[in-house]
Protein backbone atom coordinates (compact mmCIF):
# COMPACT_ATOMS: atom_id res chain seq x y z
CA UNK A 1 0.00 0.00 0.00
CA UNK A 2 1.59 3.34 -1.01
CA UNK A 3 2.12 6.10 1.54
CA UNK A 4 -0.39 8.92 1.11
CA UNK A 5 1.13 12.40 0.67
CA UNK A 6 -1.20 13.85 3.32
CA UNK A 7 0.36 11.50 5.90
CA UNK A 8 3.92 12.33 4.82
CA UNK A 9 4.12 16.09 4.11
CA UNK A 10 7.93 16.17 4.35
CA UNK A 11 8.33 12.99 2.28
CA UNK A 12 10.27 11.23 5.05
CA UNK A 13 8.36 7.94 4.75
CA UNK A 14 8.46 8.19 0.96
CA UNK A 15 12.25 8.56 1.11
CA UNK A 16 12.41 5.58 3.50
CA UNK A 17 10.27 3.49 1.17
CA UNK A 18 12.55 4.38 -1.76
CA UNK A 19 15.80 3.46 -0.01
CA UNK A 20 14.42 0.27 1.56
CA UNK A 21 14.44 1.42 5.18
CA UNK A 22 10.60 1.37 5.40
CA UNK A 23 9.07 -2.07 5.22
CA UNK A 24 5.31 -2.34 4.96
CA UNK A 25 2.76 -5.06 4.29
CA UNK A 26 4.98 -7.88 5.56
CA UNK A 27 4.72 -10.00 8.69
CA UNK A 28 7.32 -8.69 11.14
CA UNK A 29 8.20 -9.92 14.63
CA UNK A 30 9.56 -7.00 16.67
CA UNK A 31 12.33 -7.26 19.28
CA UNK A 32 9.79 -7.32 22.12
CA UNK A 33 8.01 -10.33 20.57
CA UNK A 34 4.96 -8.44 19.29
CA UNK A 35 3.92 -8.71 15.66
CA UNK A 36 3.12 -6.11 13.04
CA UNK A 37 3.24 -5.37 9.34
CA UNK A 38 5.41 -2.22 9.25
CA UNK A 39 8.98 -1.47 10.25
CA UNK A 40 11.11 1.69 10.09
CA UNK A 41 14.86 1.03 10.05
CA UNK A 42 16.00 4.48 11.18
CA UNK A 43 19.68 3.53 11.24
CA UNK A 44 19.61 2.32 7.64
CA UNK A 45 17.75 5.48 6.66
CA UNK A 46 20.15 7.81 8.46
CA UNK A 47 23.11 6.20 6.69
CA UNK A 48 21.85 7.65 3.38
CA UNK A 49 23.56 10.88 2.21
CA UNK A 50 21.73 14.06 3.20
CA UNK A 51 19.00 12.30 5.16
CA UNK A 52 20.19 13.30 8.64
CA UNK A 53 20.47 16.96 7.57
CA UNK A 54 16.89 16.93 6.27
CA UNK A 55 15.51 15.38 9.46
CA UNK A 56 17.58 17.65 11.72
CA UNK A 57 16.40 20.74 9.85
CA UNK A 58 12.77 19.69 10.45
CA UNK A 59 13.37 19.20 14.19
CA UNK A 60 15.40 22.42 14.43
CA UNK A 61 12.37 24.55 13.53
CA UNK A 62 10.96 23.94 17.04
CA UNK A 63 14.19 24.34 19.06
CA UNK A 64 15.29 27.66 20.56
CA UNK A 65 18.75 28.71 21.78
CA UNK A 66 19.27 27.65 25.38
CA UNK A 67 17.29 24.44 24.99
CA UNK A 68 18.98 21.29 26.30
CA UNK A 69 18.66 18.31 23.98
CA UNK A 70 19.32 14.84 25.41
CA UNK A 71 20.15 12.57 22.52
CA UNK A 72 21.16 8.92 22.22
CA UNK A 73 23.71 7.87 19.66
CA UNK A 74 22.24 5.53 17.01
CA UNK A 75 23.74 2.22 15.89
CA UNK A 76 25.12 4.02 12.86
CA UNK A 77 26.82 6.53 15.22
CA UNK A 78 24.72 9.44 13.97
CA UNK A 79 23.82 11.81 16.79
CA UNK A 80 20.88 13.89 15.63
CA UNK A 81 20.85 15.95 18.84
CA UNK A 82 24.37 17.24 18.21
CA UNK A 83 23.47 18.29 14.67
CA UNK A 84 20.27 20.01 15.81
CA UNK A 85 22.18 21.82 18.56
CA UNK A 86 24.70 23.10 16.00
CA UNK A 87 21.87 24.41 13.83
CA UNK A 88 20.01 26.15 16.66
CA UNK A 89 22.46 27.19 19.37
CA UNK A 90 20.98 24.63 21.78
CA UNK A 91 23.06 22.44 24.09
CA UNK A 92 23.27 18.70 23.50
CA UNK A 93 23.94 16.02 26.10
CA UNK A 94 24.81 12.77 24.33
CA UNK A 95 24.00 9.50 26.02
CA UNK A 96 25.82 6.19 25.91
CA UNK A 97 24.02 2.88 26.22
CA UNK A 98 25.55 0.82 29.03
CA UNK A 99 23.77 -2.38 30.11
CA UNK A 100 20.59 -1.32 28.27
CA UNK A 101 20.46 2.04 30.07
CA UNK A 102 21.10 5.37 28.35
CA UNK A 103 23.21 7.63 30.54
CA UNK A 104 25.52 10.63 30.36
CA UNK A 105 28.31 11.85 32.61
CA UNK A 106 27.36 14.43 35.28
CA UNK A 107 30.29 16.63 34.24
CA UNK A 108 28.52 17.12 30.90
CA UNK A 109 25.97 19.23 32.78
CA UNK A 110 28.49 21.94 33.68
PDB file of N, CA and C in Angstrom:
ATOM      1  N   UNK A   1       0.846  -1.171   0.000  1.00  0.00           N
ATOM      2  CA  UNK A   1       0.000   0.000   0.000  1.00  0.00           C
ATOM      3  C   UNK A   1       0.901   1.247   0.000  1.00  0.00           C
ATOM      4  N   UNK A   2       0.749   2.141  -0.959  1.00  0.00           N
ATOM      5  CA  UNK A   2       1.586   3.344  -1.010  1.00  0.00           C
ATOM      6  C   UNK A   2       1.271   4.313   0.125  1.00  0.00           C
ATOM      7  N   UNK A   3       2.273   5.096   0.483  1.00  0.00           N
ATOM      8  CA  UNK A   3       2.121   6.098   1.537  1.00  0.00           C
ATOM      9  C   UNK A   3       1.423   7.314   0.952  1.00  0.00           C
ATOM     10  N   UNK A   4       0.355   7.771   1.594  1.00  0.00           N
ATOM     11  CA  UNK A   4      -0.392   8.923   1.113  1.00  0.00           C
ATOM     12  C   UNK A   4       0.354  10.203   1.447  1.00  0.00           C
ATOM     13  N   UNK A   5       0.407  11.134   0.497  1.00  0.00           N
ATOM     14  CA  UNK A   5       1.130  12.397   0.671  1.00  0.00           C
ATOM     15  C   UNK A   5       0.633  13.178   1.877  1.00  0.00           C
ATOM     16  N   UNK A   6      -0.656  13.100   2.174  1.00  0.00           N
ATOM     17  CA  UNK A   6      -1.204  13.847   3.319  1.00  0.00           C
ATOM     18  C   UNK A   6      -0.676  13.331   4.656  1.00  0.00           C
ATOM     19  N   UNK A   7      -0.201  12.075   4.683  1.00  0.00           N
ATOM     20  CA  UNK A   7       0.362  11.501   5.905  1.00  0.00           C
ATOM     21  C   UNK A   7       1.879  11.655   5.950  1.00  0.00           C
ATOM     22  N   UNK A   8       2.462  12.215   4.913  1.00  0.00           N
ATOM     23  CA  UNK A   8       3.916  12.332   4.816  1.00  0.00           C
ATOM     24  C   UNK A   8       4.292  13.655   4.147  1.00  0.00           C
ATOM     25  N   UNK A   9       3.922  14.799   4.770  1.00  0.00           N
ATOM     26  CA  UNK A   9       4.118  16.087   4.114  1.00  0.00           C
ATOM     27  C   UNK A   9       5.577  16.427   3.821  1.00  0.00           C
ATOM     28  N   UNK A  10       6.505  15.881   4.580  1.00  0.00           N
ATOM     29  CA  UNK A  10       7.928  16.174   4.352  1.00  0.00           C
ATOM     30  C   UNK A  10       8.624  15.083   3.549  1.00  0.00           C
ATOM     31  N   UNK A  11       7.847  14.096   3.099  1.00  0.00           N
ATOM     32  CA  UNK A  11       8.330  12.987   2.277  1.00  0.00           C
ATOM     33  C   UNK A  11       9.379  12.115   2.978  1.00  0.00           C
ATOM     34  N   UNK A  12       9.326  12.064   4.304  1.00  0.00           N
ATOM     35  CA  UNK A  12      10.266  11.227   5.049  1.00  0.00           C
ATOM     36  C   UNK A  12       9.965   9.745   4.802  1.00  0.00           C
ATOM     37  N   UNK A  13       8.700   9.340   4.969  1.00  0.00           N
ATOM     38  CA  UNK A  13       8.357   7.937   4.751  1.00  0.00           C
ATOM     39  C   UNK A  13       8.540   7.544   3.288  1.00  0.00           C
ATOM     40  N   UNK A  14       8.237   8.464   2.391  1.00  0.00           N
ATOM     41  CA  UNK A  14       8.458   8.195   0.964  1.00  0.00           C
ATOM     42  C   UNK A  14       9.928   7.945   0.663  1.00  0.00           C
ATOM     43  N   UNK A  15      10.804   8.759   1.273  1.00  0.00           N
ATOM     44  CA  UNK A  15      12.247   8.558   1.114  1.00  0.00           C
ATOM     45  C   UNK A  15      12.659   7.202   1.687  1.00  0.00           C
ATOM     46  N   UNK A  16      12.086   6.862   2.865  1.00  0.00           N
ATOM     47  CA  UNK A  16      12.415   5.584   3.497  1.00  0.00           C
ATOM     48  C   UNK A  16      11.941   4.407   2.645  1.00  0.00           C
ATOM     49  N   UNK A  17      10.795   4.553   2.036  1.00  0.00           N
ATOM     50  CA  UNK A  17      10.272   3.492   1.174  1.00  0.00           C
ATOM     51  C   UNK A  17      11.201   3.311  -0.033  1.00  0.00           C
ATOM     52  N   UNK A  18      11.663   4.433  -0.594  1.00  0.00           N
ATOM     53  CA  UNK A  18      12.550   4.379  -1.761  1.00  0.00           C
ATOM     54  C   UNK A  18      13.878   3.710  -1.451  1.00  0.00           C
ATOM     55  N   UNK A  19      14.472   4.018  -0.295  1.00  0.00           N
ATOM     56  CA  UNK A  19      15.802   3.461  -0.015  1.00  0.00           C
ATOM     57  C   UNK A  19      15.747   2.135   0.748  1.00  0.00           C
ATOM     58  N   UNK A  20      14.556   1.591   0.960  1.00  0.00           N
ATOM     59  CA  UNK A  20      14.424   0.268   1.561  1.00  0.00           C
ATOM     60  C   UNK A  20      14.447   0.245   3.074  1.00  0.00           C
ATOM     61  N   UNK A  21      14.408   1.406   3.716  1.00  0.00           N
ATOM     62  CA  UNK A  21      14.436   1.418   5.176  1.00  0.00           C
ATOM     63  C   UNK A  21      13.028   1.422   5.785  1.00  0.00           C
ATOM     64  N   UNK A  22      11.992   1.530   4.958  1.00  0.00           N
ATOM     65  CA  UNK A  22      10.602   1.371   5.400  1.00  0.00           C
ATOM     66  C   UNK A  22      10.086   0.074   4.814  1.00  0.00           C
ATOM     67  N   UNK A  23       9.628  -0.806   5.674  1.00  0.00           N
ATOM     68  CA  UNK A  23       9.074  -2.074   5.217  1.00  0.00           C
ATOM     69  C   UNK A  23       7.612  -2.096   5.630  1.00  0.00           C
ATOM     70  N   UNK A  24       6.741  -2.280   4.676  1.00  0.00           N
ATOM     71  CA  UNK A  24       5.312  -2.337   4.963  1.00  0.00           C
ATOM     72  C   UNK A  24       4.685  -3.559   4.324  1.00  0.00           C
ATOM     73  N   UNK A  25       3.532  -3.947   4.833  1.00  0.00           N
ATOM     74  CA  UNK A  25       2.759  -5.055   4.291  1.00  0.00           C
ATOM     75  C   UNK A  25       3.502  -6.390   4.322  1.00  0.00           C
ATOM     76  N   UNK A  26       4.317  -6.595   5.355  1.00  0.00           N
ATOM     77  CA  UNK A  26       4.981  -7.883   5.562  1.00  0.00           C
ATOM     78  C   UNK A  26       4.779  -8.267   7.021  1.00  0.00           C
ATOM     79  N   UNK A  27       4.831  -9.549   7.296  1.00  0.00           N
ATOM     80  CA  UNK A  27       4.717  -9.995   8.690  1.00  0.00           C
ATOM     81  C   UNK A  27       6.073  -9.794   9.358  1.00  0.00           C
ATOM     82  N   UNK A  28       6.081  -9.015  10.441  1.00  0.00           N
ATOM     83  CA  UNK A  28       7.322  -8.694  11.138  1.00  0.00           C
ATOM     84  C   UNK A  28       7.148  -9.039  12.615  1.00  0.00           C
ATOM     85  N   UNK A  29       8.167  -9.672  13.193  1.00  0.00           N
ATOM     86  CA  UNK A  29       8.196  -9.925  14.631  1.00  0.00           C
ATOM     87  C   UNK A  29       9.194  -8.928  15.206  1.00  0.00           C
ATOM     88  N   UNK A  30       8.706  -8.025  16.084  1.00  0.00           N
ATOM     89  CA  UNK A  30       9.555  -6.999  16.665  1.00  0.00           C
ATOM     90  C   UNK A  30      10.398  -7.577  17.794  1.00  0.00           C
ATOM     91  N   UNK A  31      11.417  -6.805  18.227  1.00  0.00           N
ATOM     92  CA  UNK A  31      12.331  -7.257  19.280  1.00  0.00           C
ATOM     93  C   UNK A  31      11.606  -7.679  20.554  1.00  0.00           C
ATOM     94  N   UNK A  32      10.508  -6.998  20.872  1.00  0.00           N
ATOM     95  CA  UNK A  32       9.788  -7.323  22.117  1.00  0.00           C
ATOM     96  C   UNK A  32       8.842  -8.517  21.971  1.00  0.00           C
ATOM     97  N   UNK A  33       8.832  -9.144  20.782  1.00  0.00           N
ATOM     98  CA  UNK A  33       8.005 -10.329  20.569  1.00  0.00           C
ATOM     99  C   UNK A  33       6.642 -10.050  19.972  1.00  0.00           C
ATOM    100  N   UNK A  34       6.238  -8.768  19.912  1.00  0.00           N
ATOM    101  CA  UNK A  34       4.956  -8.445  19.289  1.00  0.00           C
ATOM    102  C   UNK A  34       5.087  -8.531  17.773  1.00  0.00           C
ATOM    103  N   UNK A  35       3.937  -8.553  17.109  1.00  0.00           N
ATOM    104  CA  UNK A  35       3.921  -8.709  15.655  1.00  0.00           C
ATOM    105  C   UNK A  35       3.299  -7.479  15.015  1.00  0.00           C
ATOM    106  N   UNK A  36       3.689  -7.219  13.786  1.00  0.00           N
ATOM    107  CA  UNK A  36       3.123  -6.108  13.038  1.00  0.00           C
ATOM    108  C   UNK A  36       3.392  -6.292  11.558  1.00  0.00           C
ATOM    109  N   UNK A  37       3.025  -5.276  10.787  1.00  0.00           N
ATOM    110  CA  UNK A  37       3.244  -5.370   9.339  1.00  0.00           C
ATOM    111  C   UNK A  37       4.054  -4.193   8.789  1.00  0.00           C
ATOM    112  N   UNK A  38       4.611  -3.360   9.683  1.00  0.00           N
ATOM    113  CA  UNK A  38       5.410  -2.216   9.249  1.00  0.00           C
ATOM    114  C   UNK A  38       6.651  -2.106  10.119  1.00  0.00           C
ATOM    115  N   UNK A  39       7.739  -1.645   9.505  1.00  0.00           N
ATOM    116  CA  UNK A  39       8.981  -1.469  10.248  1.00  0.00           C
ATOM    117  C   UNK A  39       9.760  -0.305   9.649  1.00  0.00           C
ATOM    118  N   UNK A  40      10.262   0.584  10.524  1.00  0.00           N
ATOM    119  CA  UNK A  40      11.108   1.689  10.087  1.00  0.00           C
ATOM    120  C   UNK A  40      12.521   1.424  10.590  1.00  0.00           C
ATOM    121  N   UNK A  41      13.459   1.249   9.675  1.00  0.00           N
ATOM    122  CA  UNK A  41      14.856   1.034  10.049  1.00  0.00           C
ATOM    123  C   UNK A  41      15.551   2.389  10.008  1.00  0.00           C
ATOM    124  N   UNK A  42      15.475   3.120  11.126  1.00  0.00           N
ATOM    125  CA  UNK A  42      16.000   4.484  11.176  1.00  0.00           C
ATOM    126  C   UNK A  42      17.502   4.523  10.938  1.00  0.00           C
ATOM    127  N   UNK A  43      18.236   3.522  11.421  1.00  0.00           N
ATOM    128  CA  UNK A  43      19.683   3.531  11.243  1.00  0.00           C
ATOM    129  C   UNK A  43      20.060   3.362   9.771  1.00  0.00           C
ATOM    130  N   UNK A  44      19.365   2.487   9.069  1.00  0.00           N
ATOM    131  CA  UNK A  44      19.615   2.320   7.635  1.00  0.00           C
ATOM    132  C   UNK A  44      19.271   3.621   6.900  1.00  0.00           C
ATOM    133  N   UNK A  45      18.166   4.239   7.303  1.00  0.00           N
ATOM    134  CA  UNK A  45      17.747   5.479   6.658  1.00  0.00           C
ATOM    135  C   UNK A  45      18.754   6.596   6.894  1.00  0.00           C
ATOM    136  N   UNK A  46      19.219   6.735   8.132  1.00  0.00           N
ATOM    137  CA  UNK A  46      20.152   7.814   8.463  1.00  0.00           C
ATOM    138  C   UNK A  46      21.516   7.634   7.813  1.00  0.00           C
ATOM    139  N   UNK A  47      21.827   6.428   7.351  1.00  0.00           N
ATOM    140  CA  UNK A  47      23.111   6.205   6.693  1.00  0.00           C
ATOM    141  C   UNK A  47      23.108   6.711   5.248  1.00  0.00           C
ATOM    142  N   UNK A  48      21.950   7.117   4.743  1.00  0.00           N
ATOM    143  CA  UNK A  48      21.849   7.646   3.382  1.00  0.00           C
ATOM    144  C   UNK A  48      22.329   9.102   3.343  1.00  0.00           C
ATOM    145  N   UNK A  49      23.051   9.501   2.293  1.00  0.00           N
ATOM    146  CA  UNK A  49      23.562  10.882   2.213  1.00  0.00           C
ATOM    147  C   UNK A  49      22.448  11.927   2.285  1.00  0.00           C
ATOM    148  N   UNK A  50      22.654  12.933   3.106  1.00  0.00           N
ATOM    149  CA  UNK A  50      21.731  14.063   3.196  1.00  0.00           C
ATOM    150  C   UNK A  50      20.501  13.842   4.053  1.00  0.00           C
ATOM    151  N   UNK A  51      20.216  12.605   4.417  1.00  0.00           N
ATOM    152  CA  UNK A  51      18.998  12.302   5.164  1.00  0.00           C
ATOM    153  C   UNK A  51      19.023  12.929   6.549  1.00  0.00           C
ATOM    154  N   UNK A  52      20.120  12.761   7.274  1.00  0.00           N
ATOM    155  CA  UNK A  52      20.194  13.296   8.635  1.00  0.00           C
ATOM    156  C   UNK A  52      20.009  14.812   8.629  1.00  0.00           C
ATOM    157  N   UNK A  53      20.608  15.495   7.652  1.00  0.00           N
ATOM    158  CA  UNK A  53      20.470  16.958   7.570  1.00  0.00           C
ATOM    159  C   UNK A  53      19.014  17.358   7.376  1.00  0.00           C
ATOM    160  N   UNK A  54      18.300  16.627   6.527  1.00  0.00           N
ATOM    161  CA  UNK A  54      16.892  16.928   6.270  1.00  0.00           C
ATOM    162  C   UNK A  54      16.058  16.756   7.537  1.00  0.00           C
ATOM    163  N   UNK A  55      16.276  15.654   8.245  1.00  0.00           N
ATOM    164  CA  UNK A  55      15.511  15.383   9.459  1.00  0.00           C
ATOM    165  C   UNK A  55      15.863  16.387  10.550  1.00  0.00           C
ATOM    166  N   UNK A  56      17.148  16.682  10.699  1.00  0.00           N
ATOM    167  CA  UNK A  56      17.577  17.645  11.718  1.00  0.00           C
ATOM    168  C   UNK A  56      16.986  19.028  11.444  1.00  0.00           C
ATOM    169  N   UNK A  57      16.955  19.426  10.197  1.00  0.00           N
ATOM    170  CA  UNK A  57      16.396  20.736   9.845  1.00  0.00           C
ATOM    171  C   UNK A  57      14.911  20.807  10.229  1.00  0.00           C
ATOM    172  N   UNK A  58      14.186  19.708  10.065  1.00  0.00           N
ATOM    173  CA  UNK A  58      12.773  19.690  10.453  1.00  0.00           C
ATOM    174  C   UNK A  58      12.618  19.822  11.968  1.00  0.00           C
ATOM    175  N   UNK A  59      13.422  19.090  12.726  1.00  0.00           N
ATOM    176  CA  UNK A  59      13.374  19.199  14.191  1.00  0.00           C
ATOM    177  C   UNK A  59      13.813  20.582  14.658  1.00  0.00           C
ATOM    178  N   UNK A  60      14.801  21.142  14.001  1.00  0.00           N
ATOM    179  CA  UNK A  60      15.396  22.416  14.427  1.00  0.00           C
ATOM    180  C   UNK A  60      14.393  23.566  14.391  1.00  0.00           C
ATOM    181  N   UNK A  61      13.346  23.459  13.618  1.00  0.00           N
ATOM    182  CA  UNK A  61      12.375  24.550  13.527  1.00  0.00           C
ATOM    183  C   UNK A  61      11.665  24.796  14.854  1.00  0.00           C
ATOM    184  N   UNK A  62      11.646  23.809  15.745  1.00  0.00           N
ATOM    185  CA  UNK A  62      10.959  23.943  17.038  1.00  0.00           C
ATOM    186  C   UNK A  62      11.911  24.097  18.228  1.00  0.00           C
ATOM    187  N   UNK A  63      13.204  24.249  17.982  1.00  0.00           N
ATOM    188  CA  UNK A  63      14.194  24.345  19.056  1.00  0.00           C
ATOM    189  C   UNK A  63      14.709  25.774  19.145  1.00  0.00           C
ATOM    190  N   UNK A  64      14.791  26.291  20.365  1.00  0.00           N
ATOM    191  CA  UNK A  64      15.295  27.657  20.556  1.00  0.00           C
ATOM    192  C   UNK A  64      16.648  27.610  21.258  1.00  0.00           C
ATOM    193  N   UNK A  65      17.461  28.659  21.077  1.00  0.00           N
ATOM    194  CA  UNK A  65      18.745  28.708  21.781  1.00  0.00           C
ATOM    195  C   UNK A  65      18.517  28.585  23.286  1.00  0.00           C
ATOM    196  N   UNK A  66      19.408  27.866  23.953  1.00  0.00           N
ATOM    197  CA  UNK A  66      19.273  27.653  25.385  1.00  0.00           C
ATOM    198  C   UNK A  66      18.574  26.349  25.738  1.00  0.00           C
ATOM    199  N   UNK A  67      17.938  25.725  24.772  1.00  0.00           N
ATOM    200  CA  UNK A  67      17.291  24.439  24.986  1.00  0.00           C
ATOM    201  C   UNK A  67      18.364  23.380  25.231  1.00  0.00           C
ATOM    202  N   UNK A  68      18.072  22.420  26.101  1.00  0.00           N
ATOM    203  CA  UNK A  68      18.976  21.290  26.303  1.00  0.00           C
ATOM    204  C   UNK A  68      18.363  20.075  25.617  1.00  0.00           C
ATOM    205  N   UNK A  69      19.101  19.497  24.714  1.00  0.00           N
ATOM    206  CA  UNK A  69      18.662  18.309  23.981  1.00  0.00           C
ATOM    207  C   UNK A  69      19.407  17.113  24.563  1.00  0.00           C
ATOM    208  N   UNK A  70      18.696  16.080  24.959  1.00  0.00           N
ATOM    209  CA  UNK A  70      19.321  14.836  25.409  1.00  0.00           C
ATOM    210  C   UNK A  70      19.121  13.834  24.289  1.00  0.00           C
ATOM    211  N   UNK A  71      20.230  13.344  23.750  1.00  0.00           N
ATOM    212  CA  UNK A  71      20.151  12.573  22.519  1.00  0.00           C
ATOM    213  C   UNK A  71      20.984  11.299  22.584  1.00  0.00           C
ATOM    214  N   UNK A  72      20.370  10.150  22.298  1.00  0.00           N
ATOM    215  CA  UNK A  72      21.155   8.916  22.224  1.00  0.00           C
ATOM    216  C   UNK A  72      21.863   8.806  20.881  1.00  0.00           C
ATOM    217  N   UNK A  73      23.003   8.158  20.902  1.00  0.00           N
ATOM    218  CA  UNK A  73      23.706   7.867  19.664  1.00  0.00           C
ATOM    219  C   UNK A  73      23.009   6.672  19.020  1.00  0.00           C
ATOM    220  N   UNK A  74      22.883   6.648  17.701  1.00  0.00           N
ATOM    221  CA  UNK A  74      22.244   5.533  17.011  1.00  0.00           C
ATOM    222  C   UNK A  74      23.275   4.454  16.710  1.00  0.00           C
ATOM    223  N   UNK A  75      22.813   3.304  16.263  1.00  0.00           N
ATOM    224  CA  UNK A  75      23.736   2.218  15.886  1.00  0.00           C
ATOM    225  C   UNK A  75      24.704   2.666  14.821  1.00  0.00           C
ATOM    226  N   UNK A  76      24.248   3.549  13.946  1.00  0.00           N
ATOM    227  CA  UNK A  76      25.119   4.019  12.862  1.00  0.00           C
ATOM    228  C   UNK A  76      25.989   5.192  13.307  1.00  0.00           C
ATOM    229  N   UNK A  77      25.979   5.490  14.618  1.00  0.00           N
ATOM    230  CA  UNK A  77      26.819   6.533  15.222  1.00  0.00           C
ATOM    231  C   UNK A  77      26.440   7.940  14.773  1.00  0.00           C
ATOM    232  N   UNK A  78      25.215   8.114  14.326  1.00  0.00           N
ATOM    233  CA  UNK A  78      24.719   9.439  13.966  1.00  0.00           C
ATOM    234  C   UNK A  78      24.030  10.012  15.199  1.00  0.00           C
ATOM    235  N   UNK A  79      24.452  11.184  15.635  1.00  0.00           N
ATOM    236  CA  UNK A  79      23.817  11.813  16.791  1.00  0.00           C
ATOM    237  C   UNK A  79      23.031  13.016  16.295  1.00  0.00           C
ATOM    238  N   UNK A  80      21.728  12.826  16.150  1.00  0.00           N
ATOM    239  CA  UNK A  80      20.875  13.894  15.631  1.00  0.00           C
ATOM    240  C   UNK A  80      20.851  15.095  16.564  1.00  0.00           C
ATOM    241  N   UNK A  81      20.879  14.854  17.873  1.00  0.00           N
ATOM    242  CA  UNK A  81      20.847  15.950  18.840  1.00  0.00           C
ATOM    243  C   UNK A  81      22.007  16.910  18.658  1.00  0.00           C
ATOM    244  N   UNK A  82      23.200  16.373  18.420  1.00  0.00           N
ATOM    245  CA  UNK A  82      24.368  17.237  18.206  1.00  0.00           C
ATOM    246  C   UNK A  82      24.190  18.104  16.965  1.00  0.00           C
ATOM    247  N   UNK A  83      23.676  17.517  15.909  1.00  0.00           N
ATOM    248  CA  UNK A  83      23.472  18.290  14.670  1.00  0.00           C
ATOM    249  C   UNK A  83      22.401  19.368  14.852  1.00  0.00           C
ATOM    250  N   UNK A  84      21.329  19.036  15.566  1.00  0.00           N
ATOM    251  CA  UNK A  84      20.268  20.009  15.810  1.00  0.00           C
ATOM    252  C   UNK A  84      20.794  21.145  16.687  1.00  0.00           C
ATOM    253  N   UNK A  85      21.598  20.798  17.686  1.00  0.00           N
ATOM    254  CA  UNK A  85      22.182  21.819  18.562  1.00  0.00           C
ATOM    255  C   UNK A  85      23.077  22.769  17.762  1.00  0.00           C
ATOM    256  N   UNK A  86      23.845  22.245  16.840  1.00  0.00           N
ATOM    257  CA  UNK A  86      24.696  23.097  16.000  1.00  0.00           C
ATOM    258  C   UNK A  86      23.862  24.047  15.153  1.00  0.00           C
ATOM    259  N   UNK A  87      22.727  23.580  14.679  1.00  0.00           N
ATOM    260  CA  UNK A  87      21.870  24.412  13.826  1.00  0.00           C
ATOM    261  C   UNK A  87      21.147  25.508  14.607  1.00  0.00           C
ATOM    262  N   UNK A  88      20.912  25.280  15.916  1.00  0.00           N
ATOM    263  CA  UNK A  88      20.011  26.154  16.661  1.00  0.00           C
ATOM    264  C   UNK A  88      20.641  26.915  17.821  1.00  0.00           C
ATOM    265  N   UNK A  89      21.856  26.564  18.196  1.00  0.00           N
ATOM    266  CA  UNK A  89      22.457  27.190  19.368  1.00  0.00           C
ATOM    267  C   UNK A  89      22.015  26.546  20.666  1.00  0.00           C
ATOM    268  N   UNK A  90      21.384  25.379  20.582  1.00  0.00           N
ATOM    269  CA  UNK A  90      20.977  24.632  21.776  1.00  0.00           C
ATOM    270  C   UNK A  90      22.193  23.890  22.328  1.00  0.00           C
ATOM    271  N   UNK A  91      22.023  23.264  23.484  1.00  0.00           N
ATOM    272  CA  UNK A  91      23.060  22.437  24.092  1.00  0.00           C
ATOM    273  C   UNK A  91      22.638  20.979  23.947  1.00  0.00           C
ATOM    274  N   UNK A  92      23.587  20.116  23.645  1.00  0.00           N
ATOM    275  CA  UNK A  92      23.265  18.698  23.498  1.00  0.00           C
ATOM    276  C   UNK A  92      24.046  17.873  24.508  1.00  0.00           C
ATOM    277  N   UNK A  93      23.331  17.021  25.232  1.00  0.00           N
ATOM    278  CA  UNK A  93      23.943  16.021  26.099  1.00  0.00           C
ATOM    279  C   UNK A  93      23.765  14.678  25.402  1.00  0.00           C
ATOM    280  N   UNK A  94      24.866  14.054  25.035  1.00  0.00           N
ATOM    281  CA  UNK A  94      24.808  12.772  24.334  1.00  0.00           C
ATOM    282  C   UNK A  94      24.855  11.629  25.337  1.00  0.00           C
ATOM    283  N   UNK A  95      24.029  10.642  25.123  1.00  0.00           N
ATOM    284  CA  UNK A  95      24.002   9.496  26.019  1.00  0.00           C
ATOM    285  C   UNK A  95      24.759   8.327  25.418  1.00  0.00           C
ATOM    286  N   UNK A  96      25.212   7.452  26.302  1.00  0.00           N
ATOM    287  CA  UNK A  96      25.819   6.190  25.915  1.00  0.00           C
ATOM    288  C   UNK A  96      24.948   5.085  26.477  1.00  0.00           C
ATOM    289  N   UNK A  97      24.816   4.004  25.731  1.00  0.00           N
ATOM    290  CA  UNK A  97      24.024   2.876  26.224  1.00  0.00           C
ATOM    291  C   UNK A  97      24.960   1.894  26.914  1.00  0.00           C
ATOM    292  N   UNK A  98      24.754   1.740  28.233  1.00  0.00           N
ATOM    293  CA  UNK A  98      25.548   0.816  29.028  1.00  0.00           C
ATOM    294  C   UNK A  98      24.573  -0.103  29.758  1.00  0.00           C
ATOM    295  N   UNK A  99      24.674  -1.401  29.504  1.00  0.00           N
ATOM    296  CA  UNK A  99      23.767  -2.384  30.114  1.00  0.00           C
ATOM    297  C   UNK A  99      22.304  -2.014  29.904  1.00  0.00           C
ATOM    298  N   UNK A 100      21.959  -1.658  28.670  1.00  0.00           N
ATOM    299  CA  UNK A 100      20.591  -1.324  28.266  1.00  0.00           C
ATOM    300  C   UNK A 100      20.040  -0.057  28.913  1.00  0.00           C
ATOM    301  N   UNK A 101      20.890   0.781  29.477  1.00  0.00           N
ATOM    302  CA  UNK A 101      20.458   2.038  30.071  1.00  0.00           C
ATOM    303  C   UNK A 101      21.208   3.178  29.381  1.00  0.00           C
ATOM    304  N   UNK A 102      20.471   4.197  28.933  1.00  0.00           N
ATOM    305  CA  UNK A 102      21.099   5.368  28.345  1.00  0.00           C
ATOM    306  C   UNK A 102      21.490   6.321  29.466  1.00  0.00           C
ATOM    307  N   UNK A 103      22.757   6.728  29.487  1.00  0.00           N
ATOM    308  CA  UNK A 103      23.205   7.634  30.536  1.00  0.00           C
ATOM    309  C   UNK A 103      24.223   8.623  29.963  1.00  0.00           C
ATOM    310  N   UNK A 104      24.483   9.677  30.723  1.00  0.00           N
ATOM    311  CA  UNK A 104      25.524  10.630  30.360  1.00  0.00           C
ATOM    312  C   UNK A 104      26.278  10.970  31.623  1.00  0.00           C
ATOM    313  N   UNK A 105      27.467  11.520  31.466  1.00  0.00           N
ATOM    314  CA  UNK A 105      28.308  11.847  32.607  1.00  0.00           C
ATOM    315  C   UNK A 105      27.854  13.148  33.245  1.00  0.00           C
ATOM    316  N   UNK A 106      27.794  13.206  34.590  1.00  0.00           N
ATOM    317  CA  UNK A 106      27.362  14.434  35.277  1.00  0.00           C
ATOM    318  C   UNK A 106      28.190  15.673  34.911  1.00  0.00           C
ATOM    319  N   UNK A 107      29.475  15.472  34.608  1.00  0.00           N
ATOM    320  CA  UNK A 107      30.288  16.633  34.236  1.00  0.00           C
ATOM    321  C   UNK A 107      29.836  17.274  32.927  1.00  0.00           C
ATOM    322  N   UNK A 108      29.062  16.543  32.132  1.00  0.00           N
ATOM    323  CA  UNK A 108      28.516  17.117  30.901  1.00  0.00           C
ATOM    324  C   UNK A 108      27.493  18.207  31.195  1.00  0.00           C
ATOM    325  N   UNK A 109      26.982  18.240  32.413  1.00  0.00           N
ATOM    326  CA  UNK A 109      25.967  19.234  32.779  1.00  0.00           C
ATOM    327  C   UNK A 109      26.569  20.607  33.099  1.00  0.00           C
ATOM    328  N   UNK A 110      27.868  20.664  33.306  1.00  0.00           N
ATOM    329  CA  UNK A 110      28.491  21.944  33.683  1.00  0.00           C
ATOM    330  C   UNK A 110      29.011  22.685  32.472  1.00  0.00           C
TER     331      UNK A 110
END
